[in-house]
Amino acid sequence: MSTSSTTSQLRPPRLAPTEALILQLLAGHGEMYGLQLVHESDGELKRGTVYVTLGRMEERGLVASRAERRGPPTPGLPRRLYQPTALGLQVLQTWARLAAVLAGEKVPS
């Protein structure tokens, strides 16, 4: 095995600030709709990008979604509920620990 492939296997997944915020919100609130995430973010997330970001995160295995259950008389498409996956929570925890180390905080092992 080459050194470059070993190094890439040891790197944690990349986590953009928007993705970290979404994972933090989902970890704290449980299942949420995209527009709930926008509302709870106090303006940090935008309606035009939250669903693109959630789709990308779902492809990477960081969040999972399901269609809302609705009764027959309810018009329109069902909304999607999002929740963090075990991988998403692990990545969030890893990045939080890394940020704490970089900030000079003492991190329990």
PDB file of N, CA and C in Angstrom:
ATOM      1  N   MET A   1       0.847  -1.172   0.000  1.00  0.00           N
ATOM      2  CA  MET A   1       0.000   0.000   0.000  1.00  0.00           C
ATOM      3  C   MET A   1       0.888   1.229   0.000  1.00  0.00           C
ATOM      4  N   SER A   2       0.585   2.185  -0.840  1.00  0.00           N
ATOM      5  CA  SER A   2       1.415   3.383  -0.929  1.00  0.00           C
ATOM      6  C   SER A   2       1.094   4.334   0.206  1.00  0.00           C
ATOM      7  N   THR A   3       2.042   5.240   0.471  1.00  0.00           N
ATOM      8  CA  THR A   3       1.872   6.202   1.545  1.00  0.00           C
ATOM      9  C   THR A   3       0.717   7.147   1.267  1.00  0.00           C
ATOM     10  N   SER A   4       0.547   7.577   0.010  1.00  0.00           N
ATOM     11  CA  SER A   4      -0.532   8.519  -0.304  1.00  0.00           C
ATOM     12  C   SER A   4      -1.902   7.892  -0.089  1.00  0.00           C
ATOM     13  N   SER A   5      -2.071   6.606  -0.424  1.00  0.00           N
ATOM     14  CA  SER A   5      -3.365   5.982  -0.199  1.00  0.00           C
ATOM     15  C   SER A   5      -3.598   5.745   1.289  1.00  0.00           C
ATOM     16  N   THR A   6      -2.558   5.451   2.046  1.00  0.00           N
ATOM     17  CA  THR A   6      -2.690   5.287   3.488  1.00  0.00           C
ATOM     18  C   THR A   6      -3.065   6.608   4.128  1.00  0.00           C
ATOM     19  N   THR A   7      -2.432   7.691   3.710  1.00  0.00           N
ATOM     20  CA  THR A   7      -2.717   9.008   4.253  1.00  0.00           C
ATOM     21  C   THR A   7      -4.156   9.407   3.973  1.00  0.00           C
ATOM     22  N   SER A   8      -4.654   9.162   2.753  1.00  0.00           N
ATOM     23  CA  SER A   8      -6.024   9.546   2.421  1.00  0.00           C
ATOM     24  C   SER A   8      -7.034   8.721   3.207  1.00  0.00           C
ATOM     25  N   GLN A   9      -6.688   7.487   3.566  1.00  0.00           N
ATOM     26  CA  GLN A   9      -7.601   6.660   4.338  1.00  0.00           C
ATOM     27  C   GLN A   9      -7.696   7.129   5.785  1.00  0.00           C
ATOM     28  N   LEU A  10      -6.664   7.786   6.301  1.00  0.00           N
ATOM     29  CA  LEU A  10      -6.642   8.233   7.685  1.00  0.00           C
ATOM     30  C   LEU A  10      -7.292   9.599   7.873  1.00  0.00           C
ATOM     31  N   ARG A  11      -7.496  10.343   6.809  1.00  0.00           N
ATOM     32  CA  ARG A  11      -8.099  11.672   6.898  1.00  0.00           C
ATOM     33  C   ARG A  11      -9.574  11.577   7.235  1.00  0.00           C
ATOM     34  N   PRO A  12     -10.033  12.399   8.182  1.00  0.00           N
ATOM     35  CA  PRO A  12     -11.478  12.402   8.441  1.00  0.00           C
ATOM     36  C   PRO A  12     -12.207  13.050   7.269  1.00  0.00           C
ATOM     37  N   PRO A  13     -13.474  12.718   7.088  1.00  0.00           N
ATOM     38  CA  PRO A  13     -14.226  13.354   6.005  1.00  0.00           C
ATOM     39  C   PRO A  13     -14.243  14.870   6.174  1.00  0.00           C
ATOM     40  N   ARG A  14     -14.250  15.563   5.051  1.00  0.00           N
ATOM     41  CA  ARG A  14     -14.304  17.024   5.059  1.00  0.00           C
ATOM     42  C   ARG A  14     -15.670  17.450   5.577  1.00  0.00           C
ATOM     43  N   LEU A  15     -15.709  18.528   6.354  1.00  0.00           N
ATOM     44  CA  LEU A  15     -16.968  19.020   6.894  1.00  0.00           C
ATOM     45  C   LEU A  15     -16.981  20.533   6.762  1.00  0.00           C
ATOM     46  N   ALA A  16     -17.799  21.019   5.833  1.00  0.00           N
ATOM     47  CA  ALA A  16     -17.941  22.456   5.619  1.00  0.00           C
ATOM     48  C   ALA A  16     -18.664  23.070   6.815  1.00  0.00           C
ATOM     49  N   PRO A  17     -18.464  24.354   7.063  1.00  0.00           N
ATOM     50  CA  PRO A  17     -19.153  25.005   8.192  1.00  0.00           C
ATOM     51  C   PRO A  17     -20.680  24.862   8.135  1.00  0.00           C
ATOM     52  N   THR A  18     -21.255  24.947   6.954  1.00  0.00           N
ATOM     53  CA  THR A  18     -22.705  24.783   6.810  1.00  0.00           C
ATOM     54  C   THR A  18     -23.117  23.365   7.198  1.00  0.00           C
ATOM     55  N   GLU A  19     -22.338  22.374   6.788  1.00  0.00           N
ATOM     56  CA  GLU A  19     -22.632  20.983   7.139  1.00  0.00           C
ATOM     57  C   GLU A  19     -22.504  20.771   8.643  1.00  0.00           C
ATOM     58  N   ALA A  20     -21.493  21.371   9.256  1.00  0.00           N
ATOM     59  CA  ALA A  20     -21.317  21.254  10.708  1.00  0.00           C
ATOM     60  C   ALA A  20     -22.514  21.856  11.433  1.00  0.00           C
ATOM     61  N   LEU A  21     -22.978  23.017  10.970  1.00  0.00           N
ATOM     62  CA  LEU A  21     -24.134  23.655  11.594  1.00  0.00           C
ATOM     63  C   LEU A  21     -25.373  22.769  11.473  1.00  0.00           C
ATOM     64  N   ILE A  22     -25.599  22.204  10.302  1.00  0.00           N
ATOM     65  CA  ILE A  22     -26.752  21.319  10.111  1.00  0.00           C
ATOM     66  C   ILE A  22     -26.656  20.120  11.042  1.00  0.00           C
ATOM     67  N   LEU A  23     -25.492  19.507  11.138  1.00  0.00           N
ATOM     68  CA  LEU A  23     -25.327  18.356  12.039  1.00  0.00           C
ATOM     69  C   LEU A  23     -25.537  18.752  13.493  1.00  0.00           C
ATOM     70  N   GLN A  24     -25.049  19.927  13.885  1.00  0.00           N
ATOM     71  CA  GLN A  24     -25.251  20.401  15.257  1.00  0.00           C
ATOM     72  C   GLN A  24     -26.734  20.585  15.553  1.00  0.00           C
ATOM     73  N   LEU A  25     -27.450  21.192  14.623  1.00  0.00           N
ATOM     74  CA  LEU A  25     -28.886  21.404  14.820  1.00  0.00           C
ATOM     75  C   LEU A  25     -29.640  20.079  14.894  1.00  0.00           C
ATOM     76  N   LEU A  26     -29.327  19.163  13.989  1.00  0.00           N
ATOM     77  CA  LEU A  26     -30.001  17.869  13.989  1.00  0.00           C
ATOM     78  C   LEU A  26     -29.653  17.066  15.238  1.00  0.00           C
ATOM     79  N   ALA A  27     -28.409  17.136  15.686  1.00  0.00           N
ATOM     80  CA  ALA A  27     -28.002  16.411  16.888  1.00  0.00           C
ATOM     81  C   ALA A  27     -28.730  16.952  18.114  1.00  0.00           C
ATOM     82  N   GLY A  28     -28.997  18.254  18.128  1.00  0.00           N
ATOM     83  CA  GLY A  28     -29.665  18.858  19.275  1.00  0.00           C
ATOM     84  C   GLY A  28     -31.176  18.781  19.246  1.00  0.00           C
ATOM     85  N   HIS A  29     -31.757  18.689  18.065  1.00  0.00           N
ATOM     86  CA  HIS A  29     -33.217  18.735  17.940  1.00  0.00           C
ATOM     87  C   HIS A  29     -33.833  17.444  17.420  1.00  0.00           C
ATOM     88  N   GLY A  30     -33.049  16.525  16.903  1.00  0.00           N
ATOM     89  CA  GLY A  30     -33.603  15.311  16.304  1.00  0.00           C
ATOM     90  C   GLY A  30     -34.060  15.579  14.890  1.00  0.00           C
ATOM     91  N   GLU A  31     -35.093  14.885  14.447  1.00  0.00           N
ATOM     92  CA  GLU A  31     -35.585  15.044  13.074  1.00  0.00           C
ATOM     93  C   GLU A  31     -36.102  16.463  12.845  1.00  0.00           C
ATOM     94  N   MET A  32     -35.732  17.007  11.676  1.00  0.00           N
ATOM     95  CA  MET A  32     -36.186  18.354  11.323  1.00  0.00           C
ATOM     96  C   MET A  32     -36.415  18.443   9.821  1.00  0.00           C
ATOM     97  N   TYR A  33     -37.310  19.339   9.427  1.00  0.00           N
ATOM     98  CA  TYR A  33     -37.512  19.678   8.028  1.00  0.00           C
ATOM     99  C   TYR A  33     -36.444  20.689   7.628  1.00  0.00           C
ATOM    100  N   GLY A  34     -36.198  20.807   6.335  1.00  0.00           N
ATOM    101  CA  GLY A  34     -35.225  21.774   5.853  1.00  0.00           C
ATOM    102  C   GLY A  34     -35.522  23.190   6.286  1.00  0.00           C
ATOM    103  N   LEU A  35     -36.782  23.605   6.191  1.00  0.00           N
ATOM    104  CA  LEU A  35     -37.127  24.967   6.588  1.00  0.00           C
ATOM    105  C   LEU A  35     -37.037  25.174   8.098  1.00  0.00           C
ATOM    106  N   GLN A  36     -37.211  24.117   8.882  1.00  0.00           N
ATOM    107  CA  GLN A  36     -36.977  24.213  10.327  1.00  0.00           C
ATOM    108  C   GLN A  36     -35.505  24.498  10.590  1.00  0.00           C
ATOM    109  N   LEU A  37     -34.632  23.845   9.830  1.00  0.00           N
ATOM    110  CA  LEU A  37     -33.197  24.092   9.969  1.00  0.00           C
ATOM    111  C   LEU A  37     -32.875  25.551   9.666  1.00  0.00           C
ATOM    112  N   VAL A  38     -33.468  26.080   8.599  1.00  0.00           N
ATOM    113  CA  VAL A  38     -33.251  27.482   8.240  1.00  0.00           C
ATOM    114  C   VAL A  38     -33.690  28.378   9.391  1.00  0.00           C
ATOM    115  N   HIS A  39     -34.870  28.130   9.928  1.00  0.00           N
ATOM    116  CA  HIS A  39     -35.401  28.946  11.020  1.00  0.00           C
ATOM    117  C   HIS A  39     -34.523  28.853  12.271  1.00  0.00           C
ATOM    118  N   GLU A  40     -34.153  27.636  12.662  1.00  0.00           N
ATOM    119  CA  GLU A  40     -33.359  27.420  13.879  1.00  0.00           C
ATOM    120  C   GLU A  40     -31.929  27.945  13.770  1.00  0.00           C
ATOM    121  N   SER A  41     -31.459  28.169  12.554  1.00  0.00           N
ATOM    122  CA  SER A  41     -30.072  28.634  12.367  1.00  0.00           C
ATOM    123  C   SER A  41     -29.927  30.136  12.566  1.00  0.00           C
ATOM    124  N   ASP A  42     -31.027  30.831  12.830  1.00  0.00           N
ATOM    125  CA  ASP A  42     -30.984  32.291  13.030  1.00  0.00           C
ATOM    126  C   ASP A  42     -30.313  33.016  11.877  1.00  0.00           C
ATOM    127  N   GLY A  43     -30.664  32.613  10.666  1.00  0.00           N
ATOM    128  CA  GLY A  43     -30.176  33.305   9.480  1.00  0.00           C
ATOM    129  C   GLY A  43     -28.875  32.786   8.894  1.00  0.00           C
ATOM    130  N   GLU A  44     -28.248  31.818   9.533  1.00  0.00           N
ATOM    131  CA  GLU A  44     -26.989  31.285   8.998  1.00  0.00           C
ATOM    132  C   GLU A  44     -27.210  30.369   7.799  1.00  0.00           C
ATOM    133  N   LEU A  45     -28.336  29.672   7.769  1.00  0.00           N
ATOM    134  CA  LEU A  45     -28.680  28.821   6.624  1.00  0.00           C
ATOM    135  C   LEU A  45     -29.708  29.551   5.775  1.00  0.00           C
ATOM    136  N   LYS A  46     -29.619  29.376   4.474  1.00  0.00           N
ATOM    137  CA  LYS A  46     -30.527  30.028   3.539  1.00  0.00           C
ATOM    138  C   LYS A  46     -31.424  28.995   2.873  1.00  0.00           C
ATOM    139  N   ARG A  47     -32.644  29.406   2.577  1.00  0.00           N
ATOM    140  CA  ARG A  47     -33.607  28.513   1.929  1.00  0.00           C
ATOM    141  C   ARG A  47     -33.089  27.961   0.607  1.00  0.00           C
ATOM    142  N   GLY A  48     -32.358  28.767  -0.131  1.00  0.00           N
ATOM    143  CA  GLY A  48     -31.897  28.362  -1.457  1.00  0.00           C
ATOM    144  C   GLY A  48     -30.777  27.343  -1.455  1.00  0.00           C
ATOM    145  N   THR A  49     -30.090  27.186  -0.329  1.00  0.00           N
ATOM    146  CA  THR A  49     -28.954  26.258  -0.302  1.00  0.00           C
ATOM    147  C   THR A  49     -29.121  25.090   0.669  1.00  0.00           C
ATOM    148  N   VAL A  50     -30.059  25.184   1.593  1.00  0.00           N
ATOM    149  CA  VAL A  50     -30.153  24.144   2.615  1.00  0.00           C
ATOM    150  C   VAL A  50     -30.461  22.782   2.012  1.00  0.00           C
ATOM    151  N   TYR A  51     -31.351  22.727   1.010  1.00  0.00           N
ATOM    152  CA  TYR A  51     -31.711  21.425   0.436  1.00  0.00           C
ATOM    153  C   TYR A  51     -30.598  20.851  -0.430  1.00  0.00           C
ATOM    154  N   VAL A  52     -29.841  21.715  -1.091  1.00  0.00           N
ATOM    155  CA  VAL A  52     -28.677  21.246  -1.861  1.00  0.00           C
ATOM    156  C   VAL A  52     -27.651  20.642  -0.903  1.00  0.00           C
ATOM    157  N   THR A  53     -27.416  21.333   0.199  1.00  0.00           N
ATOM    158  CA  THR A  53     -26.454  20.853   1.195  1.00  0.00           C
ATOM    159  C   THR A  53     -26.938  19.545   1.824  1.00  0.00           C
ATOM    160  N   LEU A  54     -28.210  19.472   2.173  1.00  0.00           N
ATOM    161  CA  LEU A  54     -28.756  18.236   2.746  1.00  0.00           C
ATOM    162  C   LEU A  54     -28.639  17.070   1.773  1.00  0.00           C
ATOM    163  N   GLY A  55     -28.890  17.316   0.498  1.00  0.00           N
ATOM    164  CA  GLY A  55     -28.741  16.267  -0.511  1.00  0.00           C
ATOM    165  C   GLY A  55     -27.321  15.764  -0.603  1.00  0.00           C
ATOM    166  N   ARG A  56     -26.377  16.689  -0.579  1.00  0.00           N
ATOM    167  CA  ARG A  56     -24.961  16.313  -0.627  1.00  0.00           C
ATOM    168  C   ARG A  56     -24.578  15.526   0.631  1.00  0.00           C
ATOM    169  N   MET A  57     -25.081  15.952   1.774  1.00  0.00           N
ATOM    170  CA  MET A  57     -24.779  15.256   3.025  1.00  0.00           C
ATOM    171  C   MET A  57     -25.392  13.860   3.050  1.00  0.00           C
ATOM    172  N   GLU A  58     -26.569  13.727   2.464  1.00  0.00           N
ATOM    173  CA  GLU A  58     -27.203  12.407   2.408  1.00  0.00           C
ATOM    174  C   GLU A  58     -26.407  11.467   1.505  1.00  0.00           C
ATOM    175  N   GLU A  59     -25.924  11.974   0.388  1.00  0.00           N
ATOM    176  CA  GLU A  59     -25.082  11.158  -0.508  1.00  0.00           C
ATOM    177  C   GLU A  59     -23.814  10.687   0.193  1.00  0.00           C
ATOM    178  N   ARG A  60     -23.277  11.501   1.089  1.00  0.00           N
ATOM    179  CA  ARG A  60     -22.054  11.160   1.816  1.00  0.00           C
ATOM    180  C   ARG A  60     -22.314  10.334   3.066  1.00  0.00           C
ATOM    181  N   GLY A  61     -23.592  10.089   3.381  1.00  0.00           N
ATOM    182  CA  GLY A  61     -23.938   9.259   4.535  1.00  0.00           C
ATOM    183  C   GLY A  61     -23.945   9.995   5.858  1.00  0.00           C
ATOM    184  N   LEU A  62     -23.961  11.334   5.837  1.00  0.00           N
ATOM    185  CA  LEU A  62     -23.931  12.107   7.079  1.00  0.00           C
ATOM    186  C   LEU A  62     -25.319  12.336   7.660  1.00  0.00           C
ATOM    187  N   VAL A  63     -26.335  12.360   6.802  1.00  0.00           N
ATOM    188  CA  VAL A  63     -27.727  12.479   7.239  1.00  0.00           C
ATOM    189  C   VAL A  63     -28.568  11.468   6.476  1.00  0.00           C
ATOM    190  N   ALA A  64     -29.713  11.164   7.045  1.00  0.00           N
ATOM    191  CA  ALA A  64     -30.699  10.303   6.380  1.00  0.00           C
ATOM    192  C   ALA A  64     -32.010  11.071   6.360  1.00  0.00           C
ATOM    193  N   SER A  65     -32.853  10.750   5.397  1.00  0.00           N
ATOM    194  CA  SER A  65     -34.140  11.432   5.322  1.00  0.00           C
ATOM    195  C   SER A  65     -35.250  10.426   5.070  1.00  0.00           C
ATOM    196  N   ARG A  66     -36.447  10.884   5.376  1.00  0.00           N
ATOM    197  CA  ARG A  66     -37.641  10.084   5.086  1.00  0.00           C
ATOM    198  C   ARG A  66     -38.767  11.048   4.767  1.00  0.00           C
ATOM    199  N   ALA A  67     -39.716  10.559   3.994  1.00  0.00           N
ATOM    200  CA  ALA A  67     -40.881  11.373   3.661  1.00  0.00           C
ATOM    201  C   ALA A  67     -41.839  11.407   4.847  1.00  0.00           C
ATOM    202  N   GLU A  68     -42.398  12.559   5.087  1.00  0.00           N
ATOM    203  CA  GLU A  68     -43.379  12.729   6.148  1.00  0.00           C
ATOM    204  C   GLU A  68     -44.628  11.894   5.827  1.00  0.00           C
ATOM    205  N   ARG A  69     -45.190  11.248   6.817  1.00  0.00           N
ATOM    206  CA  ARG A  69     -46.438  10.497   6.625  1.00  0.00           C
ATOM    207  C   ARG A  69     -47.593  11.496   6.683  1.00  0.00           C
ATOM    208  N   ARG A  70     -48.407  11.466   5.659  1.00  0.00           N
ATOM    209  CA  ARG A  70     -49.546  12.380   5.596  1.00  0.00           C
ATOM    210  C   ARG A  70     -50.805  11.591   5.269  1.00  0.00           C
ATOM    211  N   GLY A  71     -51.905  12.089   5.756  1.00  0.00           N
ATOM    212  CA  GLY A  71     -53.190  11.467   5.458  1.00  0.00           C
ATOM    213  C   GLY A  71     -53.609  11.750   4.023  1.00  0.00           C
ATOM    214  N   PRO A  72     -54.499  10.946   3.467  1.00  0.00           N
ATOM    215  CA  PRO A  72     -54.939  11.095   2.073  1.00  0.00           C
ATOM    216  C   PRO A  72     -55.482  12.478   1.704  1.00  0.00           C
ATOM    217  N   PRO A  73     -56.193  13.195   2.596  1.00  0.00           N
ATOM    218  CA  PRO A  73     -56.751  14.466   2.143  1.00  0.00           C
ATOM    219  C   PRO A  73     -55.726  15.601   2.065  1.00  0.00           C
ATOM    220  N   THR A  74     -54.496  15.375   2.511  1.00  0.00           N
ATOM    221  CA  THR A  74     -53.498  16.433   2.532  1.00  0.00           C
ATOM    222  C   THR A  74     -52.929  16.639   1.131  1.00  0.00           C
ATOM    223  N   PRO A  75     -53.093  17.842   0.571  1.00  0.00           N
ATOM    224  CA  PRO A  75     -52.564  18.113  -0.782  1.00  0.00           C
ATOM    225  C   PRO A  75     -51.058  18.376  -0.754  1.00  0.00           C
ATOM    226  N   GLY A  76     -50.455  18.270  -1.906  1.00  0.00           N
ATOM    227  CA  GLY A  76     -49.038  18.587  -2.047  1.00  0.00           C
ATOM    228  C   GLY A  76     -48.128  17.408  -1.778  1.00  0.00           C
ATOM    229  N   LEU A  77     -46.867  17.645  -2.039  1.00  0.00           N
ATOM    230  CA  LEU A  77     -45.858  16.613  -1.811  1.00  0.00           C
ATOM    231  C   LEU A  77     -45.539  16.507  -0.327  1.00  0.00           C
ATOM    232  N   PRO A  78     -45.238  15.306   0.148  1.00  0.00           N
ATOM    233  CA  PRO A  78     -44.844  15.175   1.556  1.00  0.00           C
ATOM    234  C   PRO A  78     -43.487  15.845   1.791  1.00  0.00           C
ATOM    235  N   ARG A  79     -43.339  16.439   2.956  1.00  0.00           N
ATOM    236  CA  ARG A  79     -42.059  17.058   3.319  1.00  0.00           C
ATOM    237  C   ARG A  79     -41.075  15.965   3.731  1.00  0.00           C
ATOM    238  N   ARG A  80     -39.787  16.300   3.643  1.00  0.00           N
ATOM    239  CA  ARG A  80     -38.751  15.359   4.053  1.00  0.00           C
ATOM    240  C   ARG A  80     -38.263  15.728   5.437  1.00  0.00           C
ATOM    241  N   LEU A  81     -38.118  14.724   6.271  1.00  0.00           N
ATOM    242  CA  LEU A  81     -37.544  14.882   7.603  1.00  0.00           C
ATOM    243  C   LEU A  81     -36.112  14.375   7.558  1.00  0.00           C
ATOM    244  N   TYR A  82     -35.191  15.123   8.145  1.00  0.00           N
ATOM    245  CA  TYR A  82     -33.770  14.770   8.140  1.00  0.00           C
ATOM    246  C   TYR A  82     -33.316  14.483   9.558  1.00  0.00           C
ATOM    247  N   GLN A  83     -32.381  13.533   9.663  1.00  0.00           N
ATOM    248  CA  GLN A  83     -31.768  13.217  10.950  1.00  0.00           C
ATOM    249  C   GLN A  83     -30.315  12.847  10.717  1.00  0.00           C
ATOM    250  N   PRO A  84     -29.465  13.054  11.732  1.00  0.00           N
ATOM    251  CA  PRO A  84     -28.060  12.691  11.554  1.00  0.00           C
ATOM    252  C   PRO A  84     -27.898  11.174  11.604  1.00  0.00           C
ATOM    253  N   THR A  85     -26.956  10.665  10.836  1.00  0.00           N
ATOM    254  CA  THR A  85     -26.623   9.241  10.907  1.00  0.00           C
ATOM    255  C   THR A  85     -25.542   9.053  11.974  1.00  0.00           C
ATOM    256  N   ALA A  86     -25.242   7.812  12.286  1.00  0.00           N
ATOM    257  CA  ALA A  86     -24.150   7.529  13.231  1.00  0.00           C
ATOM    258  C   ALA A  86     -22.836   8.098  12.692  1.00  0.00           C
ATOM    259  N   LEU A  87     -22.611   7.957  11.383  1.00  0.00           N
ATOM    260  CA  LEU A  87     -21.405   8.511  10.774  1.00  0.00           C
ATOM    261  C   LEU A  87     -21.395  10.028  10.908  1.00  0.00           C
ATOM    262  N   GLY A  88     -22.534  10.676  10.650  1.00  0.00           N
ATOM    263  CA  GLY A  88     -22.614  12.127  10.764  1.00  0.00           C
ATOM    264  C   GLY A  88     -22.288  12.595  12.165  1.00  0.00           C
ATOM    265  N   LEU A  89     -22.811  11.918  13.176  1.00  0.00           N
ATOM    266  CA  LEU A  89     -22.531  12.289  14.560  1.00  0.00           C
ATOM    267  C   LEU A  89     -21.064  12.058  14.909  1.00  0.00           C
ATOM    268  N   GLN A  90     -20.485  10.982  14.380  1.00  0.00           N
ATOM    269  CA  GLN A  90     -19.075  10.686  14.635  1.00  0.00           C
ATOM    270  C   GLN A  90     -18.184  11.745  13.991  1.00  0.00           C
ATOM    271  N   VAL A  91     -18.497  12.142  12.764  1.00  0.00           N
ATOM    272  CA  VAL A  91     -17.724  13.170  12.071  1.00  0.00           C
ATOM    273  C   VAL A  91     -17.842  14.496  12.826  1.00  0.00           C
ATOM    274  N   LEU A  92     -19.043  14.836  13.262  1.00  0.00           N
ATOM    275  CA  LEU A  92     -19.242  16.073  14.018  1.00  0.00           C
ATOM    276  C   LEU A  92     -18.428  16.063  15.303  1.00  0.00           C
ATOM    277  N   GLN A  93     -18.446  14.950  16.014  1.00  0.00           N
ATOM    278  CA  GLN A  93     -17.682  14.834  17.259  1.00  0.00           C
ATOM    279  C   GLN A  93     -16.173  14.949  16.995  1.00  0.00           C
ATOM    280  N   THR A  94     -15.705  14.321  15.931  1.00  0.00           N
ATOM    281  CA  THR A  94     -14.284  14.389  15.574  1.00  0.00           C
ATOM    282  C   THR A  94     -13.873  15.822  15.273  1.00  0.00           C
ATOM    283  N   TRP A  95     -14.683  16.526  14.480  1.00  0.00           N
ATOM    284  CA  TRP A  95     -14.369  17.912  14.141  1.00  0.00           C
ATOM    285  C   TRP A  95     -14.445  18.819  15.355  1.00  0.00           C
ATOM    286  N   ALA A  96     -15.373  18.573  16.277  1.00  0.00           N
ATOM    287  CA  ALA A  96     -15.465  19.375  17.497  1.00  0.00           C
ATOM    288  C   ALA A  96     -14.224  19.182  18.359  1.00  0.00           C
ATOM    289  N   ARG A  97     -13.757  17.940  18.443  1.00  0.00           N
ATOM    290  CA  ARG A  97     -12.534  17.671  19.216  1.00  0.00           C
ATOM    291  C   ARG A  97     -11.329  18.339  18.565  1.00  0.00           C
ATOM    292  N   LEU A  98     -11.254  18.273  17.249  1.00  0.00           N
ATOM    293  CA  LEU A  98     -10.155  18.908  16.528  1.00  0.00           C
ATOM    294  C   LEU A  98     -10.171  20.420  16.753  1.00  0.00           C
ATOM    295  N   ALA A  99     -11.341  21.029  16.671  1.00  0.00           N
ATOM    296  CA  ALA A  99     -11.459  22.476  16.895  1.00  0.00           C
ATOM    297  C   ALA A  99     -11.029  22.835  18.312  1.00  0.00           C
ATOM    298  N   ALA A 100     -11.387  22.003  19.288  1.00  0.00           N
ATOM    299  CA  ALA A 100     -10.999  22.252  20.677  1.00  0.00           C
ATOM    300  C   ALA A 100      -9.484  22.169  20.838  1.00  0.00           C
ATOM    301  N   VAL A 101      -8.869  21.164  20.219  1.00  0.00           N
ATOM    302  CA  VAL A 101      -7.410  21.020  20.284  1.00  0.00           C
ATOM    303  C   VAL A 101      -6.729  22.231  19.670  1.00  0.00           C
ATOM    304  N   LEU A 102      -7.222  22.645  18.495  1.00  0.00           N
ATOM    305  CA  LEU A 102      -6.623  23.801  17.812  1.00  0.00           C
ATOM    306  C   LEU A 102      -6.816  25.086  18.609  1.00  0.00           C
ATOM    307  N   ALA A 103      -7.872  25.164  19.409  1.00  0.00           N
ATOM    308  CA  ALA A 103      -8.129  26.336  20.231  1.00  0.00           C
ATOM    309  C   ALA A 103      -7.345  26.287  21.539  1.00  0.00           C
ATOM    310  N   GLY A 104      -6.612  25.190  21.750  1.00  0.00           N
ATOM    311  CA  GLY A 104      -5.799  25.056  22.965  1.00  0.00           C
ATOM    312  C   GLY A 104      -6.566  24.577  24.177  1.00  0.00           C
ATOM    313  N   GLU A 105      -7.773  24.064  23.965  1.00  0.00           N
ATOM    314  CA  GLU A 105      -8.567  23.561  25.071  1.00  0.00           C
ATOM    315  C   GLU A 105      -8.108  22.156  25.436  1.00  0.00           C
ATOM    316  N   LYS A 106      -8.287  21.809  26.694  1.00  0.00           N
ATOM    317  CA  LYS A 106      -7.954  20.461  27.129  1.00  0.00           C
ATOM    318  C   LYS A 106      -9.072  19.518  26.705  1.00  0.00           C
ATOM    319  N   VAL A 107      -8.713  18.464  26.001  1.00  0.00           N
ATOM    320  CA  VAL A 107      -9.701  17.510  25.477  1.00  0.00           C
ATOM    321  C   VAL A 107      -9.479  16.170  26.163  1.00  0.00           C
ATOM    322  N   PRO A 108     -10.542  15.632  26.811  1.00  0.00           N
ATOM    323  CA  PRO A 108     -10.376  14.309  27.442  1.00  0.00           C
ATOM    324  C   PRO A 108     -10.120  13.248  26.381  1.00  0.00           C
ATOM    325  N   SER A 109      -9.306  12.258  26.742  1.00  0.00           N
ATOM    326  CA  SER A 109      -8.994  11.199  25.769  1.00  0.00           C
ATOM    327  C   SER A 109      -9.960  10.074  25.822  1.00  0.00           C
TER     328      SER A 109
END
